[in-house]
N, C-alpha and C. Protein backbone atom coordinates (compact mmCIF):
# COMPACT_ATOMS: atom_id res chain seq x y z
N MET A 1 192.75 -118.77 258.68
CA MET A 1 193.87 -119.14 257.85
C MET A 1 194.37 -117.94 257.03
N HIS A 2 193.43 -117.13 256.54
CA HIS A 2 193.77 -115.95 255.76
C HIS A 2 194.59 -114.97 256.60
N ARG A 3 194.22 -114.82 257.85
CA ARG A 3 194.93 -113.93 258.76
C ARG A 3 196.37 -114.40 258.95
N CYS A 4 196.57 -115.69 258.97
CA CYS A 4 197.91 -116.25 259.13
C CYS A 4 198.79 -115.88 257.94
N TYR A 5 198.23 -115.93 256.72
CA TYR A 5 198.98 -115.56 255.53
C TYR A 5 199.35 -114.08 255.54
N VAL A 6 198.44 -113.24 255.98
CA VAL A 6 198.71 -111.81 256.05
C VAL A 6 199.82 -111.52 257.04
N CYS A 7 199.78 -112.16 258.18
CA CYS A 7 200.83 -111.97 259.19
C CYS A 7 202.17 -112.48 258.68
N LEU A 8 202.17 -113.61 257.97
CA LEU A 8 203.39 -114.17 257.42
C LEU A 8 203.98 -113.22 256.36
N ALA A 9 203.13 -112.65 255.51
CA ALA A 9 203.60 -111.72 254.49
C ALA A 9 204.17 -110.46 255.13
N ALA A 10 203.54 -109.96 256.18
CA ALA A 10 204.04 -108.78 256.88
C ALA A 10 205.38 -109.08 257.53
N LEU A 11 205.53 -110.24 258.12
CA LEU A 11 206.78 -110.63 258.76
C LEU A 11 207.90 -110.73 257.73
N ILE A 12 207.60 -111.32 256.59
CA ILE A 12 208.62 -111.46 255.55
C ILE A 12 209.03 -110.10 255.01
N SER A 13 208.07 -109.22 254.80
CA SER A 13 208.42 -107.90 254.26
C SER A 13 209.23 -107.09 255.26
N VAL A 14 208.94 -107.21 256.52
CA VAL A 14 209.68 -106.47 257.54
C VAL A 14 211.10 -107.00 257.67
N THR A 15 211.26 -108.31 257.59
CA THR A 15 212.60 -108.88 257.76
C THR A 15 213.47 -108.75 256.52
N THR A 16 212.88 -108.64 255.34
CA THR A 16 213.69 -108.55 254.14
C THR A 16 214.08 -107.13 253.77
N ILE A 17 213.39 -106.12 254.27
CA ILE A 17 213.72 -104.73 253.98
C ILE A 17 214.19 -104.06 255.27
N PRO A 18 215.51 -104.01 255.49
CA PRO A 18 215.98 -103.38 256.72
C PRO A 18 215.75 -101.87 256.69
N VAL A 19 215.51 -101.32 257.86
CA VAL A 19 215.23 -99.90 257.98
C VAL A 19 216.45 -99.07 257.60
N SER A 20 217.63 -99.56 257.90
CA SER A 20 218.84 -98.81 257.56
C SER A 20 218.98 -98.64 256.06
N ALA A 21 218.57 -99.65 255.29
CA ALA A 21 218.64 -99.54 253.83
C ALA A 21 217.65 -98.50 253.33
N LEU A 22 216.48 -98.46 253.92
CA LEU A 22 215.50 -97.45 253.52
C LEU A 22 215.98 -96.05 253.87
N ALA A 23 216.64 -95.91 255.01
CA ALA A 23 217.14 -94.61 255.42
C ALA A 23 218.25 -94.14 254.49
N GLU A 24 219.11 -95.08 254.03
CA GLU A 24 220.18 -94.71 253.12
C GLU A 24 219.63 -94.25 251.78
N VAL A 25 218.59 -94.90 251.31
CA VAL A 25 218.02 -94.55 250.01
C VAL A 25 217.42 -93.15 250.05
N THR A 26 216.73 -92.82 251.12
CA THR A 26 216.10 -91.51 251.20
C THR A 26 217.09 -90.42 251.54
N ALA A 27 218.22 -90.77 252.19
CA ALA A 27 219.17 -89.75 252.62
C ALA A 27 220.22 -89.45 251.56
N GLN A 28 220.28 -90.23 250.47
CA GLN A 28 221.29 -90.01 249.45
C GLN A 28 221.00 -88.72 248.68
N PRO A 29 222.06 -87.98 248.37
CA PRO A 29 221.86 -86.79 247.54
C PRO A 29 221.57 -87.20 246.11
N ALA A 30 221.02 -86.29 245.37
CA ALA A 30 220.68 -86.58 243.97
C ALA A 30 221.95 -86.78 243.17
N THR A 31 221.93 -87.73 242.26
CA THR A 31 223.09 -87.98 241.41
C THR A 31 223.06 -87.01 240.24
N THR A 32 224.09 -87.10 239.41
CA THR A 32 224.17 -86.17 238.28
C THR A 32 223.04 -86.39 237.29
N HIS A 33 222.49 -87.62 237.24
CA HIS A 33 221.42 -87.89 236.30
C HIS A 33 220.08 -87.32 236.78
N THR A 34 219.91 -87.17 238.09
CA THR A 34 218.63 -86.69 238.60
C THR A 34 218.69 -85.23 239.04
N GLN A 35 219.87 -84.64 239.04
CA GLN A 35 219.96 -83.24 239.43
C GLN A 35 219.37 -82.37 238.33
N SER A 36 218.88 -81.22 238.75
CA SER A 36 218.33 -80.32 237.74
C SER A 36 219.48 -79.72 236.94
N ARG A 37 219.25 -79.60 235.65
CA ARG A 37 220.26 -79.06 234.76
C ARG A 37 219.71 -77.80 234.11
N ASP A 38 220.62 -77.03 233.55
CA ASP A 38 220.20 -75.86 232.80
C ASP A 38 219.65 -76.32 231.46
N TRP A 39 218.51 -75.79 231.09
CA TRP A 39 217.87 -76.16 229.83
C TRP A 39 217.77 -74.94 228.95
N ALA A 40 218.03 -75.13 227.67
CA ALA A 40 217.97 -74.05 226.70
C ALA A 40 216.77 -74.29 225.78
N ASP A 41 215.89 -73.28 225.67
CA ASP A 41 214.75 -73.38 224.76
C ASP A 41 215.22 -73.04 223.35
N THR A 42 215.02 -73.98 222.43
CA THR A 42 215.37 -73.74 221.03
C THR A 42 214.22 -74.20 220.16
N ALA A 43 214.13 -73.62 218.99
CA ALA A 43 213.08 -74.00 218.04
C ALA A 43 213.71 -74.82 216.93
N ASN A 44 213.03 -75.91 216.55
CA ASN A 44 213.53 -76.71 215.44
C ASN A 44 212.99 -76.18 214.13
N ASP A 45 213.24 -76.89 213.03
CA ASP A 45 212.83 -76.42 211.70
C ASP A 45 211.32 -76.29 211.56
N ALA A 46 210.56 -77.12 212.27
CA ALA A 46 209.10 -77.09 212.17
C ALA A 46 208.49 -76.02 213.06
N GLY A 47 209.29 -75.35 213.87
CA GLY A 47 208.77 -74.30 214.72
C GLY A 47 208.42 -74.76 216.13
N PHE A 48 208.65 -76.03 216.43
CA PHE A 48 208.39 -76.53 217.77
C PHE A 48 209.55 -76.17 218.69
N TYR A 49 209.21 -75.74 219.89
CA TYR A 49 210.25 -75.41 220.86
C TYR A 49 210.62 -76.66 221.64
N ILE A 50 211.91 -76.88 221.74
CA ILE A 50 212.44 -78.07 222.38
C ILE A 50 213.34 -77.63 223.52
N ASP A 51 213.26 -78.31 224.64
CA ASP A 51 214.17 -78.06 225.75
C ASP A 51 215.39 -78.96 225.57
N LEU A 52 216.52 -78.35 225.39
CA LEU A 52 217.78 -79.08 225.25
C LEU A 52 218.66 -78.74 226.44
N PRO A 53 219.40 -79.74 226.92
CA PRO A 53 220.31 -79.43 228.02
C PRO A 53 221.42 -78.51 227.54
N ALA A 54 221.64 -77.47 228.29
CA ALA A 54 222.70 -76.52 227.96
C ALA A 54 224.00 -77.07 228.53
N LEU A 55 224.78 -77.73 227.68
CA LEU A 55 226.04 -78.33 228.12
C LEU A 55 227.20 -77.43 227.76
N ASN A 56 228.15 -77.42 228.63
CA ASN A 56 229.36 -76.68 228.41
C ASN A 56 230.29 -77.54 227.56
N ASP A 57 230.92 -76.96 226.55
CA ASP A 57 231.80 -77.72 225.66
C ASP A 57 232.95 -78.36 226.41
N THR A 58 233.50 -77.64 227.37
CA THR A 58 234.63 -78.19 228.12
C THR A 58 234.19 -79.37 228.98
N GLN A 59 232.98 -79.30 229.55
CA GLN A 59 232.48 -80.43 230.34
C GLN A 59 232.26 -81.64 229.45
N LEU A 60 231.68 -81.41 228.28
CA LEU A 60 231.43 -82.50 227.35
C LEU A 60 232.73 -83.13 226.88
N MET A 61 233.71 -82.32 226.58
CA MET A 61 235.01 -82.86 226.17
C MET A 61 235.67 -83.62 227.31
N GLY A 62 235.49 -83.15 228.54
CA GLY A 62 236.03 -83.86 229.70
C GLY A 62 235.38 -85.22 229.87
N LEU A 63 234.06 -85.28 229.66
CA LEU A 63 233.37 -86.57 229.75
C LEU A 63 233.84 -87.53 228.66
N ILE A 64 234.04 -87.03 227.47
CA ILE A 64 234.51 -87.88 226.38
C ILE A 64 235.92 -88.37 226.67
N LYS A 65 236.77 -87.50 227.19
CA LYS A 65 238.14 -87.91 227.53
C LYS A 65 238.14 -88.96 228.63
N THR A 66 237.26 -88.81 229.62
CA THR A 66 237.17 -89.79 230.70
C THR A 66 236.71 -91.14 230.17
N CYS A 67 235.72 -91.13 229.31
CA CYS A 67 235.22 -92.37 228.71
C CYS A 67 236.31 -93.03 227.87
N ARG A 68 237.03 -92.23 227.10
CA ARG A 68 238.10 -92.78 226.27
C ARG A 68 239.22 -93.35 227.13
N ALA A 69 239.53 -92.70 228.25
CA ALA A 69 240.57 -93.22 229.14
C ALA A 69 240.17 -94.56 229.76
N SER A 70 238.90 -94.69 230.16
CA SER A 70 238.46 -95.96 230.73
C SER A 70 238.46 -97.07 229.68
N LEU A 71 238.10 -96.72 228.44
CA LEU A 71 238.15 -97.72 227.36
C LEU A 71 239.58 -98.11 227.04
N THR A 72 240.50 -97.16 227.10
CA THR A 72 241.91 -97.47 226.86
C THR A 72 242.46 -98.38 227.94
N HIS A 73 242.04 -98.15 229.18
CA HIS A 73 242.45 -99.01 230.29
C HIS A 73 241.92 -100.43 230.09
N ARG A 74 240.66 -100.54 229.70
CA ARG A 74 240.07 -101.87 229.44
C ARG A 74 240.76 -102.55 228.26
N GLU A 75 241.12 -101.78 227.25
CA GLU A 75 241.83 -102.33 226.10
C GLU A 75 243.18 -102.92 226.53
N ALA A 76 243.89 -102.23 227.42
CA ALA A 76 245.17 -102.73 227.92
C ALA A 76 244.98 -104.01 228.73
N GLN A 77 243.89 -104.06 229.54
CA GLN A 77 243.61 -105.28 230.32
C GLN A 77 243.34 -106.47 229.40
N ILE A 78 242.55 -106.27 228.37
CA ILE A 78 242.21 -107.37 227.46
C ILE A 78 243.45 -107.81 226.69
N THR A 79 244.27 -106.87 226.26
CA THR A 79 245.49 -107.22 225.54
C THR A 79 246.42 -108.04 226.42
N ARG A 80 246.54 -107.64 227.69
CA ARG A 80 247.37 -108.39 228.64
C ARG A 80 246.81 -109.80 228.85
N TYR A 81 245.47 -109.90 228.97
CA TYR A 81 244.83 -111.21 229.14
C TYR A 81 245.10 -112.11 227.94
N LEU A 82 244.97 -111.56 226.73
CA LEU A 82 245.21 -112.35 225.52
C LEU A 82 246.66 -112.79 225.42
N ASP A 83 247.60 -111.93 225.84
CA ASP A 83 249.01 -112.30 225.81
C ASP A 83 249.33 -113.41 226.82
N GLU A 84 248.71 -113.33 227.99
CA GLU A 84 248.99 -114.32 229.04
C GLU A 84 248.30 -115.66 228.82
N ASN A 85 247.19 -115.68 228.08
CA ASN A 85 246.39 -116.90 227.95
C ASN A 85 246.35 -117.44 226.52
N ARG A 86 247.45 -117.38 225.83
CA ARG A 86 247.51 -117.95 224.49
C ARG A 86 247.41 -119.48 224.57
N LEU A 87 246.86 -120.05 223.51
CA LEU A 87 246.85 -121.51 223.41
C LEU A 87 248.25 -121.96 223.01
N ASP A 88 248.82 -122.89 223.79
CA ASP A 88 250.18 -123.33 223.52
C ASP A 88 250.26 -124.86 223.59
N ALA A 89 251.49 -125.37 223.68
CA ALA A 89 251.71 -126.83 223.69
C ALA A 89 251.10 -127.47 224.93
N LYS A 90 251.09 -126.77 226.04
CA LYS A 90 250.50 -127.30 227.27
C LYS A 90 249.01 -127.57 227.07
N ASP A 91 248.34 -126.63 226.42
CA ASP A 91 246.92 -126.82 226.16
C ASP A 91 246.67 -127.97 225.19
N ALA A 92 247.53 -128.13 224.20
CA ALA A 92 247.40 -129.25 223.27
C ALA A 92 247.60 -130.58 223.99
N LEU A 93 248.54 -130.61 224.92
CA LEU A 93 248.79 -131.82 225.70
C LEU A 93 247.60 -132.15 226.59
N ILE A 94 247.02 -131.14 227.24
CA ILE A 94 245.84 -131.35 228.08
C ILE A 94 244.68 -131.86 227.24
N THR A 95 244.51 -131.28 226.06
CA THR A 95 243.42 -131.69 225.17
C THR A 95 243.58 -133.14 224.76
N ALA A 96 244.81 -133.58 224.48
CA ALA A 96 245.04 -134.93 224.00
C ALA A 96 244.97 -135.97 225.11
N ILE A 97 245.43 -135.65 226.31
CA ILE A 97 245.57 -136.65 227.36
C ILE A 97 244.33 -136.77 228.24
N LEU A 98 243.80 -135.68 228.71
CA LEU A 98 242.70 -135.73 229.68
C LEU A 98 241.38 -136.11 229.01
N PRO A 99 240.51 -136.80 229.76
CA PRO A 99 239.22 -137.19 229.19
C PRO A 99 238.35 -135.99 228.79
N GLY A 100 238.39 -134.93 229.52
CA GLY A 100 237.59 -133.75 229.19
C GLY A 100 238.40 -132.71 228.46
N GLY A 101 239.46 -133.13 227.79
CA GLY A 101 240.37 -132.21 227.13
C GLY A 101 239.75 -131.41 226.01
N LEU A 102 238.89 -132.05 225.24
CA LEU A 102 238.24 -131.33 224.15
C LEU A 102 237.32 -130.25 224.68
N LEU A 103 236.62 -130.55 225.75
CA LEU A 103 235.75 -129.55 226.37
C LEU A 103 236.59 -128.39 226.91
N TYR A 104 237.72 -128.73 227.53
CA TYR A 104 238.64 -127.71 228.05
C TYR A 104 239.10 -126.79 226.92
N ALA A 105 239.52 -127.39 225.79
CA ALA A 105 240.01 -126.60 224.66
C ALA A 105 238.90 -125.73 224.07
N LEU A 106 237.69 -126.27 224.02
CA LEU A 106 236.56 -125.52 223.48
C LEU A 106 236.25 -124.29 224.34
N VAL A 107 236.28 -124.47 225.65
CA VAL A 107 236.00 -123.34 226.56
C VAL A 107 237.10 -122.30 226.46
N ARG A 108 238.36 -122.75 226.44
CA ARG A 108 239.47 -121.80 226.34
C ARG A 108 239.41 -121.00 225.03
N LYS A 109 239.17 -121.70 223.93
CA LYS A 109 239.09 -121.03 222.63
C LYS A 109 237.91 -120.07 222.59
N GLY A 110 236.78 -120.46 223.19
CA GLY A 110 235.62 -119.57 223.24
C GLY A 110 235.90 -118.30 224.02
N ASN A 111 236.59 -118.44 225.17
CA ASN A 111 236.94 -117.27 225.98
C ASN A 111 237.87 -116.33 225.22
N LEU A 112 238.86 -116.90 224.53
CA LEU A 112 239.79 -116.06 223.78
C LEU A 112 239.10 -115.37 222.60
N THR A 113 238.20 -116.08 221.93
CA THR A 113 237.46 -115.48 220.82
C THR A 113 236.57 -114.35 221.30
N HIS A 114 235.91 -114.56 222.45
CA HIS A 114 235.06 -113.50 223.02
C HIS A 114 235.90 -112.27 223.36
N MET A 115 237.06 -112.48 223.94
CA MET A 115 237.92 -111.35 224.30
C MET A 115 238.43 -110.62 223.05
N ARG A 116 238.71 -111.35 221.99
CA ARG A 116 239.17 -110.70 220.75
C ARG A 116 238.07 -109.83 220.15
N THR A 117 236.84 -110.32 220.16
CA THR A 117 235.74 -109.50 219.62
C THR A 117 235.50 -108.28 220.50
N GLU A 118 235.59 -108.44 221.81
CA GLU A 118 235.43 -107.29 222.71
C GLU A 118 236.54 -106.28 222.49
N LEU A 119 237.76 -106.77 222.26
CA LEU A 119 238.88 -105.87 221.99
C LEU A 119 238.66 -105.09 220.69
N ALA A 120 238.13 -105.75 219.68
CA ALA A 120 237.85 -105.05 218.41
C ALA A 120 236.78 -103.98 218.60
N GLU A 121 235.74 -104.28 219.37
CA GLU A 121 234.68 -103.30 219.63
C GLU A 121 235.21 -102.10 220.41
N ILE A 122 236.03 -102.37 221.42
CA ILE A 122 236.59 -101.30 222.24
C ILE A 122 237.51 -100.42 221.40
N THR A 123 238.32 -101.04 220.55
CA THR A 123 239.22 -100.27 219.69
C THR A 123 238.42 -99.37 218.76
N GLN A 124 237.32 -99.88 218.21
CA GLN A 124 236.46 -99.08 217.34
C GLN A 124 235.86 -97.89 218.11
N GLU A 125 235.40 -98.13 219.34
CA GLU A 125 234.82 -97.05 220.15
C GLU A 125 235.87 -95.99 220.48
N ILE A 126 237.09 -96.42 220.76
CA ILE A 126 238.16 -95.46 221.06
C ILE A 126 238.43 -94.58 219.84
N HIS A 127 238.46 -95.18 218.67
CA HIS A 127 238.68 -94.39 217.45
C HIS A 127 237.54 -93.40 217.22
N GLU A 128 236.30 -93.82 217.46
CA GLU A 128 235.16 -92.92 217.30
C GLU A 128 235.22 -91.76 218.28
N LEU A 129 235.57 -92.05 219.54
CA LEU A 129 235.68 -90.98 220.53
C LEU A 129 236.82 -90.02 220.19
N SER A 130 237.91 -90.55 219.68
CA SER A 130 239.03 -89.69 219.28
C SER A 130 238.62 -88.78 218.13
N ASP A 131 237.88 -89.34 217.17
CA ASP A 131 237.38 -88.53 216.06
C ASP A 131 236.42 -87.44 216.55
N ASP A 132 235.56 -87.81 217.52
CA ASP A 132 234.63 -86.82 218.08
C ASP A 132 235.36 -85.70 218.79
N LEU A 133 236.39 -86.05 219.56
CA LEU A 133 237.18 -85.02 220.24
C LEU A 133 237.85 -84.09 219.24
N LEU A 134 238.39 -84.67 218.19
CA LEU A 134 239.04 -83.86 217.17
C LEU A 134 238.04 -82.93 216.49
N ALA A 135 236.86 -83.46 216.19
CA ALA A 135 235.83 -82.64 215.55
C ALA A 135 235.36 -81.52 216.47
N MET A 136 235.25 -81.80 217.76
CA MET A 136 234.80 -80.77 218.70
C MET A 136 235.84 -79.67 218.86
N GLN A 137 237.11 -80.02 218.78
CA GLN A 137 238.16 -79.02 218.93
C GLN A 137 238.27 -78.15 217.69
N VAL A 138 237.96 -78.72 216.52
CA VAL A 138 238.08 -77.98 215.27
C VAL A 138 236.87 -77.11 215.02
N GLU A 139 235.67 -77.64 215.33
CA GLU A 139 234.43 -76.95 215.01
C GLU A 139 234.24 -75.72 215.88
N THR A 140 233.76 -74.67 215.26
CA THR A 140 233.44 -73.46 216.00
C THR A 140 231.94 -73.25 215.94
N GLY A 141 231.41 -72.55 216.88
CA GLY A 141 229.98 -72.30 216.91
C GLY A 141 229.30 -73.20 217.93
N GLU A 142 227.97 -73.27 217.83
CA GLU A 142 227.20 -74.04 218.79
C GLU A 142 227.19 -75.50 218.42
N LEU A 143 227.06 -76.32 219.44
CA LEU A 143 227.00 -77.77 219.27
C LEU A 143 225.75 -78.28 219.96
N THR A 144 224.95 -79.05 219.27
CA THR A 144 223.74 -79.61 219.84
C THR A 144 223.98 -81.08 220.15
N VAL A 145 223.69 -81.47 221.38
CA VAL A 145 223.91 -82.84 221.82
C VAL A 145 222.60 -83.39 222.32
N ALA A 146 222.26 -84.60 221.90
CA ALA A 146 221.05 -85.27 222.38
C ALA A 146 221.44 -86.26 223.46
N GLN A 147 220.60 -86.37 224.48
CA GLN A 147 220.85 -87.30 225.57
C GLN A 147 219.60 -88.06 225.86
N LEU A 148 219.71 -89.38 225.92
CA LEU A 148 218.58 -90.24 226.23
C LEU A 148 218.51 -90.45 227.73
N GLN A 149 217.34 -90.20 228.29
CA GLN A 149 217.21 -90.39 229.74
C GLN A 149 216.14 -91.39 230.02
């Protein structure tokens, strides 16, 4: 009976993991997160040497601009969604007439509230990124950036 379970487990593992998927995983080139980067040895105030990624200011500013552009695009999508899906007289009529109208109104209002909070968060992030870009363009000298991996 034990042998039957082992054979069944082997059959399941072979059928659920196709060989082509394994070949794609091993054949993929390294992404930007796993590629080797230039590291700069620096000493902190306590005298410990720390390896920091040596980032180019222009590359960092490009990444910030790309992130800000994607957030601006998402902000436009949410604004368009909020404009198209306002609660109006039709929704009030559905709420009053249909048996599940209150549930319908609750779900619609919840979706709109969620989108408004997401819009506020995105707007705040865009302002922070804009301030960071402005500070990077004004500041002269070296810039130290921490990255969590």
